[in-house]
Amino acid sequence: MARKEIKSEITGSVWKILKRPGDAVGEEDSLMILESMKMEIPVLAEASGTVAEIRVEENTPVAEGQVLAVLEV
């Protein structure tokens, strides 16, 4: 299986993590929700597969381009 890194497209903070390692996901399923400037932005799976890693925790800041999760596809 290949591994795909899911990166943040914005600077903000992790509001809610929706998926955990081991969870199966479909393409465009929401993995987590980021908050930036009082807006909620979903982070979507870019392919179907299994969540291998979640590299952030709720209520922590993230930078644009930071790896948030890794999928096995």
PDB file of N, CA and C in Angstrom:
ATOM      1  N   MET A   1       0.834  -1.194   0.000  1.00  0.00           N
ATOM      2  CA  MET A   1       0.000   0.000   0.000  1.00  0.00           C
ATOM      3  C   MET A   1       0.877   1.256   0.000  1.00  0.00           C
ATOM      4  N   ALA A   2       0.419   2.255  -0.681  1.00  0.00           N
ATOM      5  CA  ALA A   2       1.116   3.538  -0.703  1.00  0.00           C
ATOM      6  C   ALA A   2       0.632   4.409   0.446  1.00  0.00           C
ATOM      7  N   ARG A   3       1.483   5.333   0.855  1.00  0.00           N
ATOM      8  CA  ARG A   3       1.107   6.270   1.920  1.00  0.00           C
ATOM      9  C   ARG A   3       0.930   7.654   1.311  1.00  0.00           C
ATOM     10  N   LYS A   4      -0.119   8.340   1.722  1.00  0.00           N
ATOM     11  CA  LYS A   4      -0.411   9.684   1.210  1.00  0.00           C
ATOM     12  C   LYS A   4      -0.512  10.639   2.386  1.00  0.00           C
ATOM     13  N   GLU A   5       0.290  11.699   2.350  1.00  0.00           N
ATOM     14  CA  GLU A   5       0.250  12.715   3.399  1.00  0.00           C
ATOM     15  C   GLU A   5      -0.853  13.719   3.100  1.00  0.00           C
ATOM     16  N   ILE A   6      -1.643  14.031   4.116  1.00  0.00           N
ATOM     17  CA  ILE A   6      -2.687  15.049   4.003  1.00  0.00           C
ATOM     18  C   ILE A   6      -2.168  16.294   4.721  1.00  0.00           C
ATOM     19  N   LYS A   7      -2.042  17.385   3.976  1.00  0.00           N
ATOM     20  CA  LYS A   7      -1.448  18.613   4.513  1.00  0.00           C
ATOM     21  C   LYS A   7      -2.496  19.700   4.696  1.00  0.00           C
ATOM     22  N   SER A   8      -2.208  20.597   5.623  1.00  0.00           N
ATOM     23  CA  SER A   8      -3.089  21.734   5.862  1.00  0.00           C
ATOM     24  C   SER A   8      -2.955  22.745   4.728  1.00  0.00           C
ATOM     25  N   GLU A   9      -4.075  23.252   4.282  1.00  0.00           N
ATOM     26  CA  GLU A   9      -4.069  24.276   3.245  1.00  0.00           C
ATOM     27  C   GLU A   9      -4.109  25.679   3.841  1.00  0.00           C
ATOM     28  N   ILE A  10      -4.255  25.762   5.169  1.00  0.00           N
ATOM     29  CA  ILE A  10      -4.364  27.066   5.841  1.00  0.00           C
ATOM     30  C   ILE A  10      -3.583  27.044   7.154  1.00  0.00           C
ATOM     31  N   THR A  11      -3.371  28.221   7.694  1.00  0.00           N
ATOM     32  CA  THR A  11      -2.863  28.362   9.054  1.00  0.00           C
ATOM     33  C   THR A  11      -4.075  28.532   9.955  1.00  0.00           C
ATOM     34  N   GLY A  12      -4.123  27.791  11.047  1.00  0.00           N
ATOM     35  CA  GLY A  12      -5.266  27.860  11.947  1.00  0.00           C
ATOM     36  C   GLY A  12      -5.031  26.962  13.138  1.00  0.00           C
ATOM     37  N   SER A  13      -6.108  26.360  13.639  1.00  0.00           N
ATOM     38  CA  SER A  13      -5.983  25.407  14.743  1.00  0.00           C
ATOM     39  C   SER A  13      -6.927  24.231  14.510  1.00  0.00           C
ATOM     40  N   VAL A  14      -6.580  23.108  15.122  1.00  0.00           N
ATOM     41  CA  VAL A  14      -7.397  21.897  14.995  1.00  0.00           C
ATOM     42  C   VAL A  14      -8.586  22.053  15.930  1.00  0.00           C
ATOM     43  N   TRP A  15      -9.776  22.089  15.364  1.00  0.00           N
ATOM     44  CA  TRP A  15     -10.979  22.242  16.174  1.00  0.00           C
ATOM     45  C   TRP A  15     -11.497  20.882  16.617  1.00  0.00           C
ATOM     46  N   LYS A  16     -11.609  19.930  15.674  1.00  0.00           N
ATOM     47  CA  LYS A  16     -12.163  18.607  16.000  1.00  0.00           C
ATOM     48  C   LYS A  16     -11.554  17.561  15.078  1.00  0.00           C
ATOM     49  N   ILE A  17     -11.121  16.449  15.655  1.00  0.00           N
ATOM     50  CA  ILE A  17     -10.633  15.307  14.875  1.00  0.00           C
ATOM     51  C   ILE A  17     -11.782  14.311  14.750  1.00  0.00           C
ATOM     52  N   LEU A  18     -12.111  13.949  13.510  1.00  0.00           N
ATOM     53  CA  LEU A  18     -13.261  13.093  13.239  1.00  0.00           C
ATOM     54  C   LEU A  18     -12.887  11.632  13.005  1.00  0.00           C
ATOM     55  N   LYS A  19     -11.672  11.379  12.538  1.00  0.00           N
ATOM     56  CA  LYS A  19     -11.225  10.014  12.239  1.00  0.00           C
ATOM     57  C   LYS A  19      -9.989   9.694  13.063  1.00  0.00           C
ATOM     58  N   ARG A  20      -9.790   8.417  13.336  1.00  0.00           N
ATOM     59  CA  ARG A  20      -8.673   7.928  14.144  1.00  0.00           C
ATOM     60  C   ARG A  20      -7.876   6.892  13.343  1.00  0.00           C
ATOM     61  N   PRO A  21      -6.623   6.635  13.726  1.00  0.00           N
ATOM     62  CA  PRO A  21      -5.863   5.584  13.042  1.00  0.00           C
ATOM     63  C   PRO A  21      -6.628   4.263  13.031  1.00  0.00           C
ATOM     64  N   GLY A  22      -6.619   3.622  11.868  1.00  0.00           N
ATOM     65  CA  GLY A  22      -7.346   2.367  11.692  1.00  0.00           C
ATOM     66  C   GLY A  22      -8.704   2.540  11.048  1.00  0.00           C
ATOM     67  N   ASP A  23      -9.234   3.768  11.047  1.00  0.00           N
ATOM     68  CA  ASP A  23     -10.535   4.020  10.427  1.00  0.00           C
ATOM     69  C   ASP A  23     -10.427   3.965   8.902  1.00  0.00           C
ATOM     70  N   ALA A  24     -11.387   3.326   8.270  1.00  0.00           N
ATOM     71  CA  ALA A  24     -11.476   3.332   6.810  1.00  0.00           C
ATOM     72  C   ALA A  24     -12.133   4.636   6.378  1.00  0.00           C
ATOM     73  N   VAL A  25     -11.629   5.221   5.285  1.00  0.00           N
ATOM     74  CA  VAL A  25     -12.195   6.471   4.770  1.00  0.00           C
ATOM     75  C   VAL A  25     -12.385   6.366   3.265  1.00  0.00           C
ATOM     76  N   GLY A  26     -13.369   7.087   2.776  1.00  0.00           N
ATOM     77  CA  GLY A  26     -13.591   7.208   1.349  1.00  0.00           C
ATOM     78  C   GLY A  26     -13.029   8.535   0.866  1.00  0.00           C
ATOM     79  N   GLU A  27     -12.828   8.640  -0.431  1.00  0.00           N
ATOM     80  CA  GLU A  27     -12.341   9.896  -0.996  1.00  0.00           C
ATOM     81  C   GLU A  27     -13.298  11.023  -0.626  1.00  0.00           C
ATOM     82  N   GLU A  28     -12.749  12.105  -0.116  1.00  0.00           N
ATOM     83  CA  GLU A  28     -13.455  13.314   0.301  1.00  0.00           C
ATOM     84  C   GLU A  28     -14.223  13.165   1.612  1.00  0.00           C
ATOM     85  N   ASP A  29     -13.983  12.083   2.381  1.00  0.00           N
ATOM     86  CA  ASP A  29     -14.504  12.025   3.750  1.00  0.00           C
ATOM     87  C   ASP A  29     -13.762  13.058   4.590  1.00  0.00           C
ATOM     88  N   SER A  30     -14.442  13.650   5.559  1.00  0.00           N
ATOM     89  CA  SER A  30     -13.807  14.611   6.459  1.00  0.00           C
ATOM     90  C   SER A  30     -12.971  13.869   7.495  1.00  0.00           C
ATOM     91  N   LEU A  31     -11.705  14.274   7.605  1.00  0.00           N
ATOM     92  CA  LEU A  31     -10.798  13.686   8.591  1.00  0.00           C
ATOM     93  C   LEU A  31     -10.804  14.495   9.886  1.00  0.00           C
ATOM     94  N   MET A  32     -10.868  15.808   9.735  1.00  0.00           N
ATOM     95  CA  MET A  32     -10.862  16.713  10.882  1.00  0.00           C
ATOM     96  C   MET A  32     -11.380  18.063  10.425  1.00  0.00           C
ATOM     97  N   ILE A  33     -11.596  18.946  11.380  1.00  0.00           N
ATOM     98  CA  ILE A  33     -12.053  20.297  11.074  1.00  0.00           C
ATOM     99  C   ILE A  33     -11.065  21.282  11.676  1.00  0.00           C
ATOM    100  N   LEU A  34     -10.604  22.195  10.838  1.00  0.00           N
ATOM    101  CA  LEU A  34      -9.724  23.259  11.289  1.00  0.00           C
ATOM    102  C   LEU A  34     -10.541  24.517  11.493  1.00  0.00           C
ATOM    103  N   GLU A  35     -10.048  25.389  12.359  1.00  0.00           N
ATOM    104  CA  GLU A  35     -10.695  26.686  12.590  1.00  0.00           C
ATOM    105  C   GLU A  35      -9.686  27.761  12.240  1.00  0.00           C
ATOM    106  N   SER A  36     -10.131  28.723  11.456  1.00  0.00           N
ATOM    107  CA  SER A  36      -9.294  29.865  11.101  1.00  0.00           C
ATOM    108  C   SER A  36     -10.196  31.080  10.927  1.00  0.00           C
ATOM    109  N   MET A  37      -9.890  32.117  11.652  1.00  0.00           N
ATOM    110  CA  MET A  37     -10.657  33.363  11.581  1.00  0.00           C
ATOM    111  C   MET A  37     -12.150  33.107  11.802  1.00  0.00           C
ATOM    112  N   LYS A  38     -12.466  32.261  12.780  1.00  0.00           N
ATOM    113  CA  LYS A  38     -13.833  31.917  13.175  1.00  0.00           C
ATOM    114  C   LYS A  38     -14.607  31.157  12.100  1.00  0.00           C
ATOM    115  N   MET A  39     -13.883  30.584  11.128  1.00  0.00           N
ATOM    116  CA  MET A  39     -14.507  29.745  10.100  1.00  0.00           C
ATOM    117  C   MET A  39     -14.071  28.302  10.318  1.00  0.00           C
ATOM    118  N   GLU A  40     -14.967  27.363  10.099  1.00  0.00           N
ATOM    119  CA  GLU A  40     -14.655  25.945  10.206  1.00  0.00           C
ATOM    120  C   GLU A  40     -14.363  25.403   8.805  1.00  0.00           C
ATOM    121  N   ILE A  41     -13.176  24.801   8.641  1.00  0.00           N
ATOM    122  CA  ILE A  41     -12.747  24.296   7.347  1.00  0.00           C
ATOM    123  C   ILE A  41     -12.480  22.794   7.457  1.00  0.00           C
ATOM    124  N   PRO A  42     -13.225  21.951   6.735  1.00  0.00           N
ATOM    125  CA  PRO A  42     -12.971  20.507   6.804  1.00  0.00           C
ATOM    126  C   PRO A  42     -11.691  20.133   6.063  1.00  0.00           C
ATOM    127  N   VAL A  43     -10.980  19.141   6.596  1.00  0.00           N
ATOM    128  CA  VAL A  43      -9.819  18.555   5.933  1.00  0.00           C
ATOM    129  C   VAL A  43     -10.303  17.225   5.369  1.00  0.00           C
ATOM    130  N   LEU A  44     -10.210  17.069   4.058  1.00  0.00           N
ATOM    131  CA  LEU A  44     -10.791  15.909   3.381  1.00  0.00           C
ATOM    132  C   LEU A  44      -9.740  14.889   2.980  1.00  0.00           C
ATOM    133  N   ALA A  45     -10.129  13.622   3.002  1.00  0.00           N
ATOM    134  CA  ALA A  45      -9.265  12.560   2.488  1.00  0.00           C
ATOM    135  C   ALA A  45      -9.155  12.736   0.975  1.00  0.00           C
ATOM    136  N   GLU A  46      -7.935  12.643   0.473  1.00  0.00           N
ATOM    137  CA  GLU A  46      -7.709  12.835  -0.958  1.00  0.00           C
ATOM    138  C   GLU A  46      -7.854  11.539  -1.754  1.00  0.00           C
ATOM    139  N   ALA A  47      -8.042  10.430  -1.030  1.00  0.00           N
ATOM    140  CA  ALA A  47      -8.225   9.126  -1.670  1.00  0.00           C
ATOM    141  C   ALA A  47      -8.880   8.188  -0.665  1.00  0.00           C
ATOM    142  N   SER A  48      -9.430   7.098  -1.151  1.00  0.00           N
ATOM    143  CA  SER A  48      -9.978   6.074  -0.263  1.00  0.00           C
ATOM    144  C   SER A  48      -8.835   5.275   0.342  1.00  0.00           C
ATOM    145  N   GLY A  49      -9.014   4.840   1.584  1.00  0.00           N
ATOM    146  CA  GLY A  49      -7.978   4.043   2.229  1.00  0.00           C
ATOM    147  C   GLY A  49      -8.236   3.922   3.712  1.00  0.00           C
ATOM    148  N   THR A  50      -7.153   3.804   4.459  1.00  0.00           N
ATOM    149  CA  THR A  50      -7.205   3.659   5.913  1.00  0.00           C
ATOM    150  C   THR A  50      -6.330   4.737   6.550  1.00  0.00           C
ATOM    151  N   VAL A  51      -6.810   5.325   7.631  1.00  0.00           N
ATOM    152  CA  VAL A  51      -6.017   6.320   8.347  1.00  0.00           C
ATOM    153  C   VAL A  51      -4.860   5.595   9.028  1.00  0.00           C
ATOM    154  N   ALA A  52      -3.627   5.944   8.667  1.00  0.00           N
ATOM    155  CA  ALA A  52      -2.437   5.336   9.271  1.00  0.00           C
ATOM    156  C   ALA A  52      -1.972   6.150  10.476  1.00  0.00           C
ATOM    157  N   GLU A  53      -2.004   7.480  10.344  1.00  0.00           N
ATOM    158  CA  GLU A  53      -1.525   8.358  11.410  1.00  0.00           C
ATOM    159  C   GLU A  53      -2.344   9.637  11.446  1.00  0.00           C
ATOM    160  N   ILE A  54      -2.541  10.157  12.639  1.00  0.00           N
ATOM    161  CA  ILE A  54      -3.030  11.519  12.837  1.00  0.00           C
ATOM    162  C   ILE A  54      -1.896  12.224  13.562  1.00  0.00           C
ATOM    163  N   ARG A  55      -1.326  13.244  12.962  1.00  0.00           N
ATOM    164  CA  ARG A  55      -0.117  13.874  13.504  1.00  0.00           C
ATOM    165  C   ARG A  55      -0.378  15.150  14.294  1.00  0.00           C
ATOM    166  N   VAL A  56      -1.638  15.446  14.577  1.00  0.00           N
ATOM    167  CA  VAL A  56      -1.977  16.644  15.353  1.00  0.00           C
ATOM    168  C   VAL A  56      -2.969  16.259  16.444  1.00  0.00           C
ATOM    169  N   GLU A  57      -3.186  17.167  17.369  1.00  0.00           N
ATOM    170  CA  GLU A  57      -4.170  16.973  18.431  1.00  0.00           C
ATOM    171  C   GLU A  57      -5.158  18.128  18.391  1.00  0.00           C
ATOM    172  N   GLU A  58      -6.337  17.900  18.963  1.00  0.00           N
ATOM    173  CA  GLU A  58      -7.334  18.965  19.020  1.00  0.00           C
ATOM    174  C   GLU A  58      -6.789  20.153  19.812  1.00  0.00           C
ATOM    175  N   ASN A  59      -7.210  21.344  19.420  1.00  0.00           N
ATOM    176  CA  ASN A  59      -6.847  22.607  20.068  1.00  0.00           C
ATOM    177  C   ASN A  59      -5.374  22.970  19.930  1.00  0.00           C
ATOM    178  N   THR A  60      -4.712  22.456  18.885  1.00  0.00           N
ATOM    179  CA  THR A  60      -3.325  22.832  18.640  1.00  0.00           C
ATOM    180  C   THR A  60      -3.236  23.616  17.339  1.00  0.00           C
ATOM    181  N   PRO A  61      -2.298  24.565  17.261  1.00  0.00           N
ATOM    182  CA  PRO A  61      -2.140  25.340  16.036  1.00  0.00           C
ATOM    183  C   PRO A  61      -1.483  24.506  14.931  1.00  0.00           C
ATOM    184  N   VAL A  62      -1.824  24.843  13.690  1.00  0.00           N
ATOM    185  CA  VAL A  62      -1.204  24.208  12.526  1.00  0.00           C
ATOM    186  C   VAL A  62      -0.794  25.287  11.535  1.00  0.00           C
ATOM    187  N   ALA A  63       0.250  24.991  10.783  1.00  0.00           N
ATOM    188  CA  ALA A  63       0.744  25.917   9.762  1.00  0.00           C
ATOM    189  C   ALA A  63       0.343  25.415   8.378  1.00  0.00           C
ATOM    190  N   GLU A  64       0.255  26.329   7.446  1.00  0.00           N
ATOM    191  CA  GLU A  64      -0.025  25.940   6.066  1.00  0.00           C
ATOM    192  C   GLU A  64       1.075  24.999   5.589  1.00  0.00           C
ATOM    193  N   GLY A  65       0.682  23.879   4.986  1.00  0.00           N
ATOM    194  CA  GLY A  65       1.644  22.904   4.485  1.00  0.00           C
ATOM    195  C   GLY A  65       2.049  21.841   5.489  1.00  0.00           C
ATOM    196  N   GLN A  66       1.618  21.964   6.737  1.00  0.00           N
ATOM    197  CA  GLN A  66       1.959  20.984   7.773  1.00  0.00           C
ATOM    198  C   GLN A  66       1.204  19.679   7.520  1.00  0.00           C
ATOM    199  N   VAL A  67       1.883  18.545   7.711  1.00  0.00           N
ATOM    200  CA  VAL A  67       1.236  17.240   7.552  1.00  0.00           C
ATOM    201  C   VAL A  67       0.330  17.003   8.748  1.00  0.00           C
ATOM    202  N   LEU A  68      -0.949  16.770   8.464  1.00  0.00           N
ATOM    203  CA  LEU A  68      -1.949  16.555   9.504  1.00  0.00           C
ATOM    204  C   LEU A  68      -2.235  15.079   9.728  1.00  0.00           C
ATOM    205  N   ALA A  69      -2.240  14.324   8.644  1.00  0.00           N
ATOM    206  CA  ALA A  69      -2.589  12.901   8.702  1.00  0.00           C
ATOM    207  C   ALA A  69      -1.893  12.163   7.571  1.00  0.00           C
ATOM    208  N   VAL A  70      -1.809  10.851   7.743  1.00  0.00           N
ATOM    209  CA  VAL A  70      -1.249   9.990   6.695  1.00  0.00           C
ATOM    210  C   VAL A  70      -2.257   8.874   6.428  1.00  0.00           C
ATOM    211  N   LEU A  71      -2.531   8.655   5.141  1.00  0.00           N
ATOM    212  CA  LEU A  71      -3.451   7.588   4.731  1.00  0.00           C
ATOM    213  C   LEU A  71      -2.669   6.477   4.050  1.00  0.00           C
ATOM    214  N   GLU A  72      -3.102   5.246   4.230  1.00  0.00           N
ATOM    215  CA  GLU A  72      -2.629   4.127   3.432  1.00  0.00           C
ATOM    216  C   GLU A  72      -3.664   3.920   2.349  1.00  0.00           C
ATOM    217  N   VAL A  73      -3.238   4.049   1.101  1.00  0.00           N
ATOM    218  CA  VAL A  73      -4.193   3.980  -0.026  1.00  0.00           C
ATOM    219  C   VAL A  73      -3.843   2.837  -0.963  1.00  0.00           C
TER     220      VAL A  73
END
